N, C-alpha and C. Protein backbone atom coordinates (compact mmCIF):
# COMPACT_ATOMS: atom_id res chain seq x y z
N MET A 1 117.06 78.68 114.99
CA MET A 1 116.93 79.61 113.52
C MET A 1 118.01 80.79 113.40
N LEU A 2 117.99 81.32 112.55
CA LEU A 2 118.97 82.05 112.06
C LEU A 2 118.96 83.39 111.70
N SER A 3 119.93 84.32 112.77
CA SER A 3 119.55 85.50 113.42
C SER A 3 119.80 86.27 111.79
N LEU A 4 118.91 87.28 111.48
CA LEU A 4 119.27 87.65 110.42
C LEU A 4 119.67 89.11 110.70
N LEU A 5 118.68 90.27 111.91
CA LEU A 5 119.39 91.06 112.05
C LEU A 5 118.73 91.80 113.19
N THR A 6 119.57 92.50 113.78
CA THR A 6 119.27 93.30 114.99
C THR A 6 118.94 94.93 114.65
N LEU A 7 117.94 95.80 115.01
CA LEU A 7 117.45 97.18 114.90
C LEU A 7 116.60 97.64 115.66
N ASP A 8 117.46 99.07 116.36
CA ASP A 8 116.42 99.27 117.15
C ASP A 8 115.78 98.04 118.25
N GLU A 9 116.47 97.07 118.70
CA GLU A 9 116.13 96.21 119.53
C GLU A 9 115.38 95.22 118.91
N ILE A 10 114.90 95.72 118.00
CA ILE A 10 114.09 94.47 117.03
C ILE A 10 115.00 93.04 116.69
N VAL A 11 114.88 91.88 117.05
CA VAL A 11 115.87 91.01 116.35
C VAL A 11 114.66 90.32 115.57
N VAL A 12 115.44 89.96 114.47
CA VAL A 12 114.64 89.43 112.91
C VAL A 12 115.35 87.85 112.63
N THR A 13 114.91 86.99 112.78
CA THR A 13 115.26 85.53 112.62
C THR A 13 114.48 85.00 111.55
N ALA A 14 115.27 83.94 110.75
CA ALA A 14 114.32 83.26 110.12
C ALA A 14 114.09 82.02 110.45
N VAL A 15 112.61 81.65 110.06
CA VAL A 15 111.58 80.56 110.39
C VAL A 15 112.04 79.43 109.42
N PRO A 16 112.98 78.50 110.34
CA PRO A 16 113.57 77.32 109.07
C PRO A 16 112.29 76.30 108.99
N GLY A 17 112.20 75.06 108.38
CA GLY A 17 111.43 74.45 108.06
C GLY A 17 110.97 73.94 106.82
N TYR A 18 110.73 72.46 106.84
CA TYR A 18 110.10 71.90 105.49
C TYR A 18 108.98 72.61 104.87
N GLY A 19 109.25 73.31 103.50
CA GLY A 19 108.10 74.13 103.38
C GLY A 19 107.83 75.18 103.49
N LEU A 20 108.67 75.59 104.73
CA LEU A 20 108.59 77.14 105.03
C LEU A 20 109.57 77.87 104.37
N HIS A 21 109.11 78.84 103.50
CA HIS A 21 109.90 79.89 102.85
C HIS A 21 109.56 81.48 102.80
N ASP A 22 110.87 82.15 103.28
CA ASP A 22 110.60 83.62 103.40
C ASP A 22 109.93 84.16 104.53
N ILE A 23 109.47 83.50 105.52
CA ILE A 23 108.92 83.77 106.89
C ILE A 23 110.40 84.06 107.55
N SER A 24 109.84 85.50 108.28
CA SER A 24 110.69 85.98 109.41
C SER A 24 109.84 86.03 110.78
N LYS A 25 110.72 85.94 111.85
CA LYS A 25 110.32 86.29 113.00
C LYS A 25 110.51 87.30 113.77
N TYR A 26 110.10 88.66 113.75
CA TYR A 26 110.40 89.51 114.41
C TYR A 26 110.21 89.71 116.29
N THR A 27 110.99 90.15 116.80
CA THR A 27 111.02 89.84 118.17
C THR A 27 111.47 91.09 118.69
N LYS A 28 111.11 91.94 119.64
CA LYS A 28 111.35 92.75 120.47
C LYS A 28 110.74 92.72 121.80
N GLY A 29 111.42 92.40 123.03
CA GLY A 29 111.13 92.05 124.11
C GLY A 29 110.22 90.57 124.14
N GLN A 30 108.84 90.68 124.66
CA GLN A 30 107.84 89.81 124.60
C GLN A 30 107.04 89.86 123.10
N GLN A 31 107.41 90.95 122.23
CA GLN A 31 106.27 91.42 121.44
C GLN A 31 106.92 90.46 120.41
N VAL A 32 106.19 89.38 119.83
CA VAL A 32 106.34 88.71 118.14
C VAL A 32 105.57 88.80 117.29
N VAL A 33 105.83 89.10 116.09
CA VAL A 33 105.21 89.28 114.71
C VAL A 33 106.36 88.24 113.49
N TYR A 34 104.96 87.62 113.08
CA TYR A 34 105.87 86.70 111.83
C TYR A 34 105.47 87.45 110.50
N ILE A 35 106.20 87.47 109.65
CA ILE A 35 106.20 88.12 108.06
C ILE A 35 106.45 86.91 107.40
N LYS A 36 105.71 86.93 106.24
CA LYS A 36 106.29 86.01 105.38
C LYS A 36 106.30 87.18 104.00
N HIS A 37 107.63 86.99 103.74
CA HIS A 37 108.03 88.29 102.27
C HIS A 37 107.43 87.73 100.94
N VAL A 38 106.92 88.12 100.35
CA VAL A 38 106.42 87.97 99.09
C VAL A 38 106.82 89.14 98.19
N PHE A 39 107.09 88.65 96.46
CA PHE A 39 107.45 89.33 95.99
C PHE A 39 106.33 89.56 94.42
N VAL A 40 105.97 90.51 94.07
CA VAL A 40 105.33 90.24 92.60
C VAL A 40 105.88 91.60 91.86
N SER A 41 105.79 91.19 90.48
CA SER A 41 106.74 92.06 89.30
C SER A 41 105.26 93.06 89.18
N LYS A 42 104.13 92.49 89.21
CA LYS A 42 102.78 93.37 88.68
C LYS A 42 101.49 92.93 89.68
N ILE A 43 100.77 94.04 89.94
CA ILE A 43 99.56 93.94 90.42
C ILE A 43 98.57 93.33 89.52
N HIS A 44 97.93 92.13 89.20
CA HIS A 44 96.97 91.78 88.45
C HIS A 44 95.75 92.38 89.44
N SER A 45 94.38 91.39 88.98
CA SER A 45 92.93 91.87 89.45
C SER A 45 92.82 91.83 90.89
N VAL A 46 93.55 90.57 90.98
CA VAL A 46 93.39 89.76 92.35
C VAL A 46 94.95 89.65 92.99
N VAL A 47 95.30 89.84 93.62
CA VAL A 47 96.92 89.44 94.29
C VAL A 47 96.70 88.37 95.47
N LYS A 48 97.20 87.12 95.05
CA LYS A 48 96.97 85.98 96.11
C LYS A 48 98.46 85.29 95.70
N PRO A 49 99.08 85.42 97.31
CA PRO A 49 100.40 84.80 96.89
C PRO A 49 100.13 83.18 96.62
N ASN A 50 101.13 82.66 96.49
CA ASN A 50 101.39 81.15 96.89
C ASN A 50 101.48 80.78 97.69
N ILE A 51 100.70 79.76 98.45
CA ILE A 51 101.21 79.32 99.97
C ILE A 51 100.90 77.95 99.74
N THR A 52 102.17 77.41 100.43
CA THR A 52 102.05 75.99 100.51
C THR A 52 101.64 75.34 101.63
N ALA A 53 101.11 74.07 101.31
CA ALA A 53 100.19 73.41 102.76
C ALA A 53 100.74 73.57 103.96
N GLU A 54 102.32 73.24 103.84
CA GLU A 54 103.13 73.38 105.03
C GLU A 54 102.92 75.13 105.65
N GLU A 55 102.96 75.96 104.74
CA GLU A 55 102.95 77.25 105.51
C GLU A 55 101.11 77.58 106.15
N ILE A 56 100.41 76.72 105.51
CA ILE A 56 99.36 76.54 105.70
C ILE A 56 98.86 76.23 107.18
N ASP A 57 99.68 75.04 107.30
CA ASP A 57 99.60 74.54 108.52
C ASP A 57 100.41 74.95 109.85
N PHE A 58 101.54 75.84 109.11
CA PHE A 58 102.06 76.77 110.43
C PHE A 58 101.20 78.05 110.62
N LEU A 59 100.52 78.41 109.37
CA LEU A 59 99.67 79.65 109.96
C LEU A 59 98.36 79.23 111.13
N ARG A 60 98.26 77.68 110.71
CA ARG A 60 97.22 77.48 111.68
C ARG A 60 97.55 77.14 113.26
N ARG A 61 98.82 76.81 113.03
CA ARG A 61 99.48 76.72 114.38
C ARG A 61 99.89 77.80 114.87
N LEU A 62 99.75 78.86 114.48
CA LEU A 62 100.09 80.32 115.20
C LEU A 62 98.91 80.60 115.62
N ASP A 63 97.72 80.38 114.72
CA ASP A 63 96.07 81.15 115.13
C ASP A 63 96.15 80.10 116.77
N GLN A 64 96.48 78.99 116.71
CA GLN A 64 95.97 78.37 117.96
C GLN A 64 96.47 79.08 119.24
N MET A 65 97.55 79.52 118.54
CA MET A 65 98.64 80.23 119.84
C MET A 65 98.24 81.39 120.08
N HIS A 66 97.39 81.74 119.13
CA HIS A 66 96.73 83.37 119.10
C HIS A 66 98.13 84.43 118.63
N GLN A 67 98.86 84.08 117.76
CA GLN A 67 99.66 84.81 116.94
C GLN A 67 99.36 84.79 115.78
N TYR A 68 100.03 85.62 114.75
CA TYR A 68 99.74 86.12 113.69
C TYR A 68 100.73 86.08 112.62
N CYS A 69 100.58 85.51 111.53
CA CYS A 69 101.99 85.61 110.54
C CYS A 69 101.12 86.92 109.56
N TYR A 70 101.79 87.71 109.22
CA TYR A 70 101.29 88.85 107.92
C TYR A 70 102.13 88.71 106.80
N PHE A 71 101.40 89.12 105.63
CA PHE A 71 102.24 88.59 104.32
C PHE A 71 102.65 90.23 103.54
N LEU A 72 104.30 90.30 103.81
CA LEU A 72 104.15 91.65 103.22
C LEU A 72 104.55 91.83 101.61
N VAL A 73 104.03 91.94 101.09
CA VAL A 73 103.91 91.70 99.34
C VAL A 73 104.40 93.16 98.97
N TYR A 74 106.18 92.86 98.47
CA TYR A 74 106.49 93.69 97.48
C TYR A 74 106.35 94.00 96.50
N VAL A 75 106.12 95.04 95.94
CA VAL A 75 105.89 94.87 94.42
C VAL A 75 106.89 95.94 93.65
N LYS A 76 107.01 95.29 92.05
CA LYS A 76 108.42 96.12 91.49
C LYS A 76 108.03 97.55 90.68
N ASN A 77 108.72 98.23 91.31
CA ASN A 77 108.12 99.62 90.30
C ASN A 77 108.39 99.77 89.13
N LYS A 78 107.48 99.99 88.00
CA LYS A 78 107.56 100.30 86.46
C LYS A 78 108.54 101.10 86.17
N GLY A 79 108.58 102.02 86.88
CA GLY A 79 109.67 103.17 86.42
C GLY A 79 111.21 102.87 86.78
N THR A 80 111.65 102.50 88.26
CA THR A 80 112.74 101.87 88.75
C THR A 80 113.23 100.52 88.30
N GLY A 81 112.11 99.53 88.19
CA GLY A 81 112.51 98.15 87.88
C GLY A 81 112.85 97.66 89.81
N LYS A 82 112.62 98.50 90.72
CA LYS A 82 113.01 98.09 91.97
C LYS A 82 111.74 97.54 92.81
N TYR A 83 111.79 96.83 93.94
CA TYR A 83 110.74 96.73 94.70
C TYR A 83 110.71 97.72 95.53
N ASP A 84 110.00 98.81 95.25
CA ASP A 84 110.48 100.00 96.65
C ASP A 84 109.19 100.30 97.15
N HIS A 85 107.82 99.64 97.03
CA HIS A 85 106.92 99.39 97.39
C HIS A 85 106.40 98.51 98.11
N ALA A 86 105.51 98.26 99.13
CA ALA A 86 105.06 97.11 99.57
C ALA A 86 103.66 97.29 100.60
N PHE A 87 103.08 96.17 100.50
CA PHE A 87 101.96 96.07 101.46
C PHE A 87 101.48 95.17 102.47
N PHE A 88 100.75 95.24 103.63
CA PHE A 88 100.36 93.93 104.45
C PHE A 88 99.28 93.11 104.11
N MET A 89 98.86 92.31 104.05
CA MET A 89 97.91 91.18 103.95
C MET A 89 98.08 90.44 105.52
N ASP A 90 96.63 90.35 106.07
CA ASP A 90 96.81 89.37 107.17
C ASP A 90 96.77 87.77 106.28
N ASP A 91 96.96 86.98 107.32
CA ASP A 91 96.66 85.15 106.56
C ASP A 91 95.69 85.08 105.81
N ALA A 92 94.15 85.62 106.56
CA ALA A 92 93.14 85.50 105.58
C ALA A 92 93.03 85.92 104.38
N GLU A 93 93.91 86.99 104.17
CA GLU A 93 93.55 87.57 103.17
C GLU A 93 94.64 86.93 102.16
N ALA A 94 95.50 86.34 102.55
CA ALA A 94 96.34 86.14 101.70
C ALA A 94 95.87 84.83 101.20
N ILE A 95 95.56 83.80 101.86
CA ILE A 95 94.74 82.72 101.22
C ILE A 95 93.38 82.71 100.47
N LYS A 96 92.75 83.96 100.67
CA LYS A 96 91.64 84.32 99.38
C LYS A 96 91.72 84.88 98.53
N GLY A 97 93.04 85.90 98.79
CA GLY A 97 93.76 86.99 97.76
C GLY A 97 92.45 88.16 97.85
N LEU A 98 93.48 89.05 97.52
CA LEU A 98 92.94 90.66 97.91
C LEU A 98 92.69 91.25 96.04
N GLU A 99 91.44 91.91 95.94
CA GLU A 99 91.17 92.77 94.77
C GLU A 99 92.00 94.03 94.67
N VAL A 100 92.21 94.07 93.58
CA VAL A 100 93.21 95.39 93.17
C VAL A 100 92.57 96.80 94.07
N GLN A 101 91.86 96.97 93.90
CA GLN A 101 90.88 98.26 94.59
C GLN A 101 91.40 98.46 95.89
N GLU A 102 91.64 97.05 96.54
CA GLU A 102 91.75 96.84 98.08
C GLU A 102 93.47 97.11 98.05
N VAL A 103 94.14 96.73 97.33
CA VAL A 103 95.59 97.07 97.33
C VAL A 103 96.07 98.41 97.24
N THR A 104 95.56 98.92 95.94
CA THR A 104 96.19 100.36 95.94
C THR A 104 96.31 100.98 96.99
N PRO A 105 95.24 101.53 97.82
CA PRO A 105 95.73 102.57 98.95
C PRO A 105 96.49 101.62 100.01
N ARG A 106 96.92 100.92 100.13
CA ARG A 106 97.76 99.95 101.11
C ARG A 106 99.22 100.14 100.60
N LEU A 107 99.42 100.23 99.26
CA LEU A 107 100.96 100.70 99.04
C LEU A 107 101.29 101.83 100.02
N LYS A 108 102.39 101.12 100.30
CA LYS A 108 103.52 102.05 100.84
C LYS A 108 104.97 101.96 100.97
N ARG A 109 105.37 103.19 100.45
CA ARG A 109 106.87 102.92 100.46
C ARG A 109 107.38 102.25 101.43
N LEU A 110 108.85 101.74 101.87
CA LEU A 110 109.33 100.81 102.61
C LEU A 110 109.80 101.50 103.78
N ASP A 111 109.93 102.78 103.66
CA ASP A 111 110.34 103.16 104.92
C ASP A 111 109.30 103.33 106.04
N ILE A 112 108.06 103.37 105.05
CA ILE A 112 107.07 103.71 106.14
C ILE A 112 106.53 102.18 106.55
N ILE A 113 107.00 101.19 105.65
CA ILE A 113 106.67 99.83 106.30
C ILE A 113 107.74 99.37 107.28
N SER A 114 108.87 99.53 107.27
CA SER A 114 109.78 99.78 108.57
C SER A 114 109.02 100.56 109.88
N GLN A 115 108.32 101.30 109.66
CA GLN A 115 107.90 102.10 110.79
C GLN A 115 106.56 101.50 111.21
N VAL A 116 105.72 100.94 110.22
CA VAL A 116 104.72 100.00 110.89
C VAL A 116 105.15 98.99 111.59
N ILE A 117 106.00 98.27 111.15
CA ILE A 117 106.82 97.23 111.79
C ILE A 117 107.51 97.33 113.31
N ARG A 118 107.98 98.63 113.26
CA ARG A 118 108.57 99.12 114.88
C ARG A 118 107.48 99.67 115.73
N SER A 119 106.18 99.82 115.11
CA SER A 119 105.21 100.76 115.83
C SER A 119 104.22 99.52 116.52
N VAL A 120 104.51 98.18 115.77
CA VAL A 120 103.64 97.09 115.88
C VAL A 120 104.65 96.31 117.19
N LEU A 121 105.56 96.46 117.16
CA LEU A 121 106.50 95.77 118.15
C LEU A 121 106.92 96.82 119.44
N VAL A 122 106.10 97.84 119.40
CA VAL A 122 106.14 98.59 120.77
C VAL A 122 105.28 98.34 121.88
């Protein structure tokens, strides 16, 4: 695995593998969280990330080990043109999709998202 970042004792490494895209492993001590990073330009009526068959197999393997992969969906701000807000989906939600009504209250600034990641790994 390629180490990407160390922040507040959190080590972020890319998860390599055929068919796995934009998945990172966040580790602090014995705590581990996998996050797949997804970027969307616009929120449609249903948000459903593209997931490869290999990624679904990876999610199943994690479930068998009682570990999880969350999807962090970055949303482009129309005003700034930047991906400055995001929300989390669990693997089941990502597979079936989320209605826009469920997405809107989850949208958070990126500084809040980083606090959530840190709090999960404490």
